[in-house]
C-alpha atoms as a PDB file:
ATOM      1  CA  MET A   1     -83.072  13.222 101.187  1.00  0.00           C
ATOM      2  CA  GLN A   2     -84.103  10.983  98.197  1.00  0.00           C
ATOM      3  CA  VAL A   3     -81.379  11.061  95.349  1.00  0.00           C
ATOM      4  CA  LEU A   4     -77.539  11.346  96.449  1.00  0.00           C
ATOM      5  CA  MET A   5     -74.827  11.005  93.654  1.00  0.00           C
ATOM      6  CA  VAL A   6     -71.633   8.931  94.882  1.00  0.00           C
ATOM      7  CA  THR A   7     -68.782   9.399  92.785  1.00  0.00           C
ATOM      8  CA  GLY A   8     -64.437   9.014  94.211  1.00  0.00           C
ATOM      9  CA  TYR A   9     -61.599   7.980  93.665  1.00  0.00           C
ATOM     10  CA  LYS A  10     -60.940   5.727  90.990  1.00  0.00           C
ATOM     11  CA  PRO A  11     -59.034   2.223  91.834  1.00  0.00           C
ATOM     12  CA  PHE A  12     -55.566   3.456  90.076  1.00  0.00           C
ATOM     13  CA  GLU A  13     -55.962   6.676  92.239  1.00  0.00           C
ATOM     14  CA  LEU A  14     -55.315   4.507  95.581  1.00  0.00           C
ATOM     15  CA  GLY A  15     -52.404   2.342  93.947  1.00  0.00           C
ATOM     16  CA  ILE A  16     -55.748  -0.593  94.203  1.00  0.00           C
ATOM     17  CA  PHE A  17     -55.104  -3.178  90.916  1.00  0.00           C
ATOM     18  CA  ASN A  18     -57.788  -5.937  92.335  1.00  0.00           C
ATOM     19  CA  ASN A  19     -61.370  -5.689  93.662  1.00  0.00           C
ATOM     20  CA  ASP A  20     -59.699  -8.144  96.589  1.00  0.00           C
ATOM     21  CA  ASP A  21     -57.460  -5.449  97.950  1.00  0.00           C
ATOM     22  CA  PRO A  22     -57.572  -5.341 101.526  1.00  0.00           C
ATOM     23  CA  ALA A  23     -58.247  -1.617 101.196  1.00  0.00           C
ATOM     24  CA  VAL A  24     -61.331  -2.532  99.024  1.00  0.00           C
ATOM     25  CA  ARG A  25     -64.023  -4.064 101.752  1.00  0.00           C
ATOM     26  CA  ILE A  26     -62.974  -1.381 104.174  1.00  0.00           C
ATOM     27  CA  ILE A  27     -63.886   1.096 101.807  1.00  0.00           C
ATOM     28  CA  LYS A  28     -66.877  -0.370 100.843  1.00  0.00           C
ATOM     29  CA  LYS A  29     -67.945  -0.827 104.761  1.00  0.00           C
ATOM     30  CA  ALA A  30     -67.153   2.932 104.348  1.00  0.00           C
ATOM     31  CA  LEU A  31     -70.185   2.911 101.795  1.00  0.00           C
ATOM     32  CA  LYS A  32     -72.383   1.277 102.445  1.00  0.00           C
ATOM     33  CA  LYS A  33     -72.800   2.452 106.849  1.00  0.00           C
ATOM     34  CA  GLU A  34     -72.867   5.972 105.056  1.00  0.00           C
ATOM     35  CA  ILE A  35     -76.096   5.150 102.364  1.00  0.00           C
ATOM     36  CA  LYS A  36     -77.619   2.913 105.356  1.00  0.00           C
ATOM     37  CA  ARG A  37     -77.725   6.094 107.383  1.00  0.00           C
ATOM     38  CA  LEU A  38     -79.675   7.700 104.743  1.00  0.00           C
ATOM     39  CA  ALA A  39     -81.512   5.112 103.239  1.00  0.00           C
ATOM     40  CA  GLU A  40     -82.468   4.751 107.293  1.00  0.00           C
ATOM     41  CA  GLU A  41     -83.988   8.410 106.819  1.00  0.00           C
ATOM     42  CA  GLY A  42     -84.934   8.274 103.299  1.00  0.00           C
ATOM     43  CA  LEU A  43     -82.529   7.664 100.543  1.00  0.00           C
ATOM     44  CA  GLU A  44     -84.741   6.371  98.155  1.00  0.00           C
ATOM     45  CA  TRP A  45     -81.630   6.831  94.497  1.00  0.00           C
ATOM     46  CA  VAL A  46     -77.929   6.496  93.784  1.00  0.00           C
ATOM     47  CA  LEU A  47     -77.291   8.096  90.910  1.00  0.00           C
ATOM     48  CA  ILE A  48     -73.540   7.047  89.745  1.00  0.00           C
ATOM     49  CA  SER A  49     -71.963   7.127  86.221  1.00  0.00           C
ATOM     50  CA  GLY A  50     -70.724   3.682  86.743  1.00  0.00           C
ATOM     51  CA  GLN A  51     -66.905   4.243  87.304  1.00  0.00           C
ATOM     52  CA  GLN A  52     -64.435   2.286  88.585  1.00  0.00           C
ATOM     53  CA  GLY A  53     -63.641   1.989  91.855  1.00  0.00           C
ATOM     54  CA  VAL A  54     -65.926   4.242  94.179  1.00  0.00           C
ATOM     55  CA  GLU A  55     -69.480   4.015  92.052  1.00  0.00           C
ATOM     56  CA  LEU A  56     -69.237   0.749  91.268  1.00  0.00           C
ATOM     57  CA  TRP A  57     -68.448  -0.514  94.799  1.00  0.00           C
ATOM     58  CA  ALA A  58     -71.485   1.921  95.960  1.00  0.00           C
ATOM     59  CA  ALA A  59     -73.256   0.080  93.564  1.00  0.00           C
ATOM     60  CA  GLU A  60     -72.272  -2.817  94.971  1.00  0.00           C
ATOM     61  CA  MET A  61     -73.307  -1.529  98.517  1.00  0.00           C
ATOM     62  CA  VAL A  62     -76.719  -0.098  97.448  1.00  0.00           C
ATOM     63  CA  LEU A  63     -77.550  -3.882  95.630  1.00  0.00           C
ATOM     64  CA  GLU A  64     -76.587  -5.234  99.309  1.00  0.00           C
ATOM     65  CA  LEU A  65     -78.089  -2.682 101.322  1.00  0.00           C
ATOM     66  CA  LYS A  66     -81.681  -4.356  98.940  1.00  0.00           C
ATOM     67  CA  ASP A  67     -81.023  -7.894  99.745  1.00  0.00           C
ATOM     68  CA  GLU A  68     -81.226  -6.309 103.023  1.00  0.00           C
ATOM     69  CA  ASP A  69     -85.128  -5.241 102.257  1.00  0.00           C
ATOM     70  CA  TYR A  70     -83.923  -1.453 102.185  1.00  0.00           C
ATOM     71  CA  ASP A  71     -85.924   0.045  99.709  1.00  0.00           C
ATOM     72  CA  ILE A  72     -82.999   2.186  98.062  1.00  0.00           C
ATOM     73  CA  GLN A  73     -82.249   1.953  94.302  1.00  0.00           C
ATOM     74  CA  LEU A  74     -79.855   2.931  92.077  1.00  0.00           C
ATOM     75  CA  ALA A  75     -79.771   4.643  88.901  1.00  0.00           C
ATOM     76  CA  VAL A  76     -76.447   4.691  86.757  1.00  0.00           C
ATOM     77  CA  LEU A  77     -76.416   6.792  84.158  1.00  0.00           C
ATOM     78  CA  THR A  78     -73.292   6.636  82.152  1.00  0.00           C
ATOM     79  CA  PRO A  79     -71.347   9.942  80.284  1.00  0.00           C
ATOM     80  CA  PHE A  80     -70.853   7.957  76.648  1.00  0.00           C
ATOM     81  CA  ILE A  81     -72.485   5.335  75.650  1.00  0.00           C
ATOM     82  CA  ASP A  82     -69.680   1.839  75.914  1.00  0.00           C
ATOM     83  CA  GLN A  83     -67.840   3.317  78.821  1.00  0.00           C
ATOM     84  CA  HIS A  84     -66.256   0.370  79.186  1.00  0.00           C
ATOM     85  CA  SER A  85     -65.145  -0.684  76.022  1.00  0.00           C
ATOM     86  CA  LYS A  86     -61.085   0.278  77.073  1.00  0.00           C
ATOM     87  CA  TRP A  87     -61.364  -1.653  80.295  1.00  0.00           C
ATOM     88  CA  LYS A  88     -59.636  -4.681  80.860  1.00  0.00           C
ATOM     89  CA  GLU A  89     -61.987  -7.738  80.463  1.00  0.00           C
ATOM     90  CA  PRO A  90     -61.929  -8.205  84.189  1.00  0.00           C
ATOM     91  CA  GLN A  91     -63.165  -4.927  85.031  1.00  0.00           C
ATOM     92  CA  LYS A  92     -66.228  -5.073  81.409  1.00  0.00           C
ATOM     93  CA  GLU A  93     -67.082  -8.231  83.617  1.00  0.00           C
ATOM     94  CA  TYR A  94     -67.524  -6.548  87.010  1.00  0.00           C
ATOM     95  CA  TYR A  95     -68.993  -3.722  85.152  1.00  0.00           C
ATOM     96  CA  ASP A  96     -71.748  -5.660  83.252  1.00  0.00           C
ATOM     97  CA  LEU A  97     -72.740  -7.390  86.789  1.00  0.00           C
ATOM     98  CA  VAL A  98     -73.528  -4.479  89.030  1.00  0.00           C
ATOM     99  CA  THR A  99     -75.077  -2.586  86.073  1.00  0.00           C
ATOM    100  CA  SER A 100     -77.133  -5.382  85.264  1.00  0.00           C
ATOM    101  CA  GLN A 101     -78.853  -5.091  88.187  1.00  0.00           C
ATOM    102  CA  ALA A 102     -79.462  -1.106  88.077  1.00  0.00           C
ATOM    103  CA  ASP A 103     -82.976   0.387  88.638  1.00  0.00           C
ATOM    104  CA  PHE A 104     -81.938   2.409  85.824  1.00  0.00           C
ATOM    105  CA  LEU A 105     -79.272   2.074  82.883  1.00  0.00           C
ATOM    106  CA  GLY A 106     -78.980   4.657  80.484  1.00  0.00           C
ATOM    107  CA  THR A 107     -76.724   7.206  78.985  1.00  0.00           C
ATOM    108  CA  ILE A 108     -76.557  10.885  78.871  1.00  0.00           C
ATOM    109  CA  SER A 109     -74.558  10.859  75.101  1.00  0.00           C
ATOM    110  CA  ASN A 110     -75.638   8.901  72.434  1.00  0.00           C
ATOM    111  CA  GLN A 111     -72.471   8.488  70.984  1.00  0.00           C
ATOM    112  CA  PRO A 112     -68.596   7.017  71.783  1.00  0.00           C
ATOM    113  CA  TYR A 113     -66.207   9.650  74.257  1.00  0.00           C
ATOM    114  CA  THR A 114     -65.243  12.531  71.977  1.00  0.00           C
ATOM    115  CA  SER A 115     -63.854  15.145  74.791  1.00  0.00           C
ATOM    116  CA  PRO A 116     -63.735  15.767  78.503  1.00  0.00           C
ATOM    117  CA  ASP A 117     -67.063  17.842  77.588  1.00  0.00           C
ATOM    118  CA  GLN A 118     -68.901  14.767  78.308  1.00  0.00           C
ATOM    119  CA  PHE A 119     -67.871  14.413  82.049  1.00  0.00           C
ATOM    120  CA  ARG A 120     -68.512  17.860  82.784  1.00  0.00           C
ATOM    121  CA  ASN A 121     -72.100  17.744  80.877  1.00  0.00           C
ATOM    122  CA  ARG A 122     -72.506  14.445  83.395  1.00  0.00           C
ATOM    123  CA  ASP A 123     -71.446  16.648  86.118  1.00  0.00           C
ATOM    124  CA  ARG A 124     -73.698  19.287  85.735  1.00  0.00           C
ATOM    125  CA  ILE A 125     -76.782  17.033  85.212  1.00  0.00           C
ATOM    126  CA  PHE A 126     -75.940  15.106  88.438  1.00  0.00           C
ATOM    127  CA  LEU A 127     -76.005  18.331  90.316  1.00  0.00           C
ATOM    128  CA  HIS A 128     -79.514  18.969  89.223  1.00  0.00           C
ATOM    129  CA  LYS A 129     -81.059  15.379  89.347  1.00  0.00           C
ATOM    130  CA  SER A 130     -79.507  14.833  92.917  1.00  0.00           C
ATOM    131  CA  ASP A 131     -80.004  16.436  96.602  1.00  0.00           C
ATOM    132  CA  GLY A 132     -77.132  15.513  97.871  1.00  0.00           C
ATOM    133  CA  LEU A 133     -72.961  14.369  97.549  1.00  0.00           C
ATOM    134  CA  LEU A 134     -71.187  11.187  98.830  1.00  0.00           C
ATOM    135  CA  ALA A 135     -67.150  11.309  98.060  1.00  0.00           C
ATOM    136  CA  LEU A 136     -64.620   9.563  98.665  1.00  0.00           C
ATOM    137  CA  TYR A 137     -62.107  12.301  98.824  1.00  0.00           C
ATOM    138  CA  ASP A 138     -58.975  13.692 101.038  1.00  0.00           C
ATOM    139  CA  PRO A 139     -57.636  17.108  99.874  1.00  0.00           C
ATOM    140  CA  GLU A 140     -53.835  15.671 100.900  1.00  0.00           C
ATOM    141  CA  LYS A 141     -55.397  13.533  97.964  1.00  0.00           C
ATOM    142  CA  GLU A 142     -56.350  15.511  94.946  1.00  0.00           C
ATOM    143  CA  GLY A 143     -57.606  12.969  92.381  1.00  0.00           C
ATOM    144  CA  SER A 144     -60.688  12.971  89.843  1.00  0.00           C
ATOM    145  CA  PRO A 145     -63.131  13.582  91.908  1.00  0.00           C
ATOM    146  CA  LYS A 146     -61.650  17.117  92.819  1.00  0.00           C
ATOM    147  CA  PHE A 147     -63.339  18.945  89.785  1.00  0.00           C
ATOM    148  CA  ILE A 148     -67.113  17.192  90.657  1.00  0.00           C
ATOM    149  CA  LEU A 149     -66.547  19.007  94.619  1.00  0.00           C
ATOM    150  CA  GLU A 150     -65.663  21.976  93.581  1.00  0.00           C
ATOM    151  CA  LEU A 151     -68.612  21.940  90.863  1.00  0.00           C
ATOM    152  CA  ALA A 152     -71.218  21.043  93.838  1.00  0.00           C
ATOM    153  CA  GLU A 153     -69.042  23.459  96.481  1.00  0.00           C
ATOM    154  CA  LYS A 154     -70.523  26.143  93.651  1.00  0.00           C
ATOM    155  CA  TYR A 155     -73.513  24.914  93.210  1.00  0.00           C
ATOM    156  CA  GLN A 156     -74.116  25.312  96.945  1.00  0.00           C
ATOM    157  CA  GLU A 157     -74.187  29.132  96.872  1.00  0.00           C
ATOM    158  CA  VAL A 158     -77.789  28.552  94.900  1.00  0.00           C
ATOM    159  CA  ARG A 159     -79.184  25.695  96.777  1.00  0.00           C
ATOM    160  CA  ASP A 160     -79.101  23.644  99.899  1.00  0.00           C
ATOM    161  CA  PHE A 161     -77.119  20.491  98.604  1.00  0.00           C
ATOM    162  CA  PRO A 162     -74.911  18.968 101.209  1.00  0.00           C
ATOM    163  CA  ILE A 163     -72.067  17.274 100.592  1.00  0.00           C
ATOM    164  CA  ARG A 164     -70.268  14.516 102.491  1.00  0.00           C
ATOM    165  CA  THR A 165     -67.456  13.481 102.210  1.00  0.00           C
ATOM    166  CA  ILE A 166     -64.919   9.537 102.918  1.00  0.00           C
ATOM    167  CA  ASP A 167     -61.115  10.692 104.066  1.00  0.00           C
ATOM    168  CA  PHE A 168     -58.722   8.759 104.988  1.00  0.00           C
ATOM    169  CA  TYR A 169     -59.188   9.277 108.580  1.00  0.00           C
ATOM    170  CA  GLU A 170     -62.595   7.716 108.438  1.00  0.00           C
ATOM    171  CA  LEU A 171     -61.341   4.665 106.712  1.00  0.00           C
ATOM    172  CA  GLN A 172     -58.340   3.960 108.867  1.00  0.00           C
ATOM    173  CA  THR A 173     -60.528   4.905 111.876  1.00  0.00           C
ATOM    174  CA  ILE A 174     -62.184   2.318 110.163  1.00  0.00           C
ATOM    175  CA  ILE A 175     -59.466  -0.005 110.570  1.00  0.00           C
ATOM    176  CA  GLU A 176     -58.580   0.245 113.657  1.00  0.00           C
ATOM    177  CA  GLU A 177     -62.313  -0.579 114.831  1.00  0.00           C
ATOM    178  CA  GLU A 178     -62.068  -3.759 113.375  1.00  0.00           C
ATOM    179  CA  GLN A 179     -58.195  -4.396 114.811  1.00  0.00           C
ATOM    180  CA  TRP A 180     -59.677  -3.522 118.142  1.00  0.00           C
ATOM    181  CA  GLU A 181     -62.608  -5.940 117.546  1.00  0.00           C
ATOM    182  CA  ASN A 182     -60.730  -8.752 116.477  1.00  0.00           C
ATOM    183  CA  GLN A 183     -58.982  -8.484 120.107  1.00  0.00           C
END
């Protein structure tokens, strides 16, 4: 696998309202562990659309791995221009900080948001540009990642396309491992 698409929940879908929430550290740890494993197997690029939550946290983990001398690159391809223009200031600053360090930054539609079709177009393009999907998603808690996962599962019918999900059970396991280590 050379190009991995990463997606998952937006913060509000998880009840997270700032990046200092302890849950963010656990999510980042799970994302980093999986991206690191794939990088050791030859992963070259991580592709995100720059959405708040899992995508930007994954991007931050890619940047950490780059600092640890992993040969991995980050591509941010937004579905439309100024995707973050209506976000609150702290989220805009975080987005700018992360995306300013990306190896590739582009946009699919050179227009501002006009319709949900821009997200569907992004999903189709991402599937064709990537070799697999990593998603933080638990089927017991539906949310925005459901749509790309359904599309990716249909895509698997015509192409070898690995899908790896990190669910809440896996996150709970990380919490328990940390508690065990700290005893």
